[in-house]
Amino acid sequence: LGGTTSALLPVLSECFGEHGFSYYYSDMSATFFPEARGKFAKYSGVLRFAVLDLDVDPRFQGFASAQFDLVVAANVLHLTRSTRRACRHLARLLRPRGHLVVKEI
């Protein structure tokens, strides 16, 4: 649960300070959110939880276009019906000059 988040939160906190960033923990369902809230309680001040289905345009799921400077998609693209469409949806979330990091094992 949250392997990438476990690695990223300490680094982001060190770089930007405890409250100098916000972090969205997303999944295709809210099933793992309660466990993740407990595991990452130390970061509750910056941590937000949101359901995000990459097969659906994020604008229809409560996200704004150009909302994020950095989007990390870890071990999720292989779960989508169309990798190309999912990448377009992820790109839509990025601000100009934002970065998309994809990790697939």
Protein backbone atom coordinates (compact mmCIF):
# COMPACT_ATOMS: atom_id res chain seq x y z
CA LEU A 1 0.00 0.00 0.00
CA GLY A 2 1.41 3.35 -1.05
CA GLY A 3 4.94 2.25 -1.88
CA THR A 4 5.61 5.23 -4.12
CA THR A 5 3.89 7.57 -1.67
CA SER A 6 6.10 6.21 1.12
CA ALA A 7 9.15 7.20 -0.88
CA LEU A 8 7.88 10.57 -2.12
CA LEU A 9 6.37 12.17 0.98
CA PRO A 10 9.61 12.36 3.02
CA VAL A 11 11.52 13.79 0.05
CA LEU A 12 8.84 16.38 -0.75
CA SER A 13 8.63 17.33 2.91
CA GLU A 14 12.39 17.79 3.10
CA CYS A 15 12.49 19.87 -0.09
CA PHE A 16 9.43 22.06 0.49
CA GLY A 17 8.87 21.95 4.24
CA GLU A 18 6.07 20.27 6.15
CA HIS A 19 3.36 22.50 4.67
CA GLY A 20 4.99 23.77 1.49
CA PHE A 21 3.23 21.36 -0.85
CA SER A 22 0.04 19.38 -1.27
CA TYR A 23 -0.11 15.72 -2.21
CA TYR A 24 -3.09 13.90 -3.69
CA TYR A 25 -3.23 10.20 -2.94
CA SER A 26 -5.50 8.83 -5.64
CA ASP A 27 -6.85 5.46 -6.61
CA MET A 28 -9.59 4.06 -8.81
CA SER A 29 -11.69 3.54 -5.68
CA ALA A 30 -11.66 4.77 -2.10
CA THR A 31 -11.17 1.24 -0.73
CA PHE A 32 -7.59 1.79 0.45
CA PHE A 33 -8.05 5.36 1.71
CA PRO A 34 -8.73 4.51 5.37
CA GLU A 35 -5.59 2.38 5.63
CA ALA A 36 -3.53 5.00 3.78
CA ARG A 37 -4.82 7.75 6.10
CA GLY A 38 -3.45 5.79 9.03
CA LYS A 39 -0.17 4.90 7.37
CA PHE A 40 0.51 8.50 6.29
CA ALA A 41 -1.04 10.29 9.29
CA LYS A 42 2.20 12.21 9.83
CA TYR A 43 1.48 14.05 6.55
CA SER A 44 -2.21 14.75 7.17
CA GLY A 45 -1.63 18.50 6.78
CA VAL A 46 -0.64 18.14 3.12
CA LEU A 47 -2.32 14.88 2.15
CA ARG A 48 -5.60 14.79 0.20
CA PHE A 49 -7.46 11.73 -1.02
CA ALA A 50 -9.29 11.53 -4.31
CA VAL A 51 -10.80 8.85 -6.50
CA LEU A 52 -9.34 9.10 -10.00
CA ASP A 53 -10.27 6.73 -12.81
CA LEU A 54 -7.84 7.34 -15.67
CA ASP A 55 -10.32 5.92 -18.17
CA VAL A 56 -12.51 8.97 -17.51
CA ASP A 57 -11.63 12.62 -18.12
CA PRO A 58 -10.44 14.02 -14.77
CA ARG A 59 -12.50 17.18 -15.34
CA PHE A 60 -15.59 15.03 -14.84
CA GLN A 61 -14.19 13.74 -11.54
CA GLY A 62 -13.69 17.04 -9.73
CA PHE A 63 -10.20 17.87 -10.99
CA ALA A 64 -9.35 21.09 -12.81
CA SER A 65 -7.24 21.26 -15.93
CA ALA A 66 -3.69 22.45 -15.28
CA GLN A 67 -4.02 21.79 -11.55
CA PHE A 68 -0.65 20.15 -10.77
CA ASP A 69 3.04 20.87 -11.23
CA LEU A 70 3.89 17.19 -10.90
CA VAL A 71 1.83 14.07 -11.54
CA VAL A 72 3.20 10.65 -10.62
CA ALA A 73 1.42 7.65 -12.14
CA ALA A 74 2.78 4.58 -10.39
CA ASN A 75 1.73 1.11 -11.50
CA VAL A 76 -1.60 2.28 -12.86
CA LEU A 77 -1.40 2.65 -16.64
CA HIS A 78 -1.53 -1.11 -17.23
CA LEU A 79 -4.93 -1.13 -15.49
CA THR A 80 -6.53 1.27 -17.98
CA ARG A 81 -8.43 0.35 -21.13
CA SER A 82 -6.28 2.70 -23.21
CA THR A 83 -2.81 3.80 -22.17
CA ARG A 84 -2.87 6.58 -24.75
CA ARG A 85 -6.14 8.00 -23.40
CA ALA A 86 -4.95 7.66 -19.80
CA CYS A 87 -1.78 9.61 -20.64
CA ARG A 88 -3.86 12.35 -22.27
CA HIS A 89 -5.95 12.53 -19.10
CA LEU A 90 -2.83 12.76 -16.95
CA ALA A 91 -1.35 15.44 -19.20
CA ARG A 92 -4.55 17.47 -18.87
CA LEU A 93 -3.90 17.69 -15.12
CA LEU A 94 -0.50 19.34 -15.61
CA ARG A 95 0.19 23.04 -15.47
CA PRO A 96 2.32 24.46 -18.30
CA ARG A 97 5.87 23.16 -17.84
CA GLY A 98 4.56 20.54 -15.41
CA HIS A 99 6.06 17.07 -15.25
CA LEU A 100 4.57 13.61 -15.60
CA VAL A 101 6.46 10.72 -14.02
CA VAL A 102 5.34 7.21 -14.96
CA LYS A 103 6.46 4.11 -13.11
CA GLU A 104 5.31 0.69 -14.31
CA ILE A 105 6.78 -2.59 -13.19
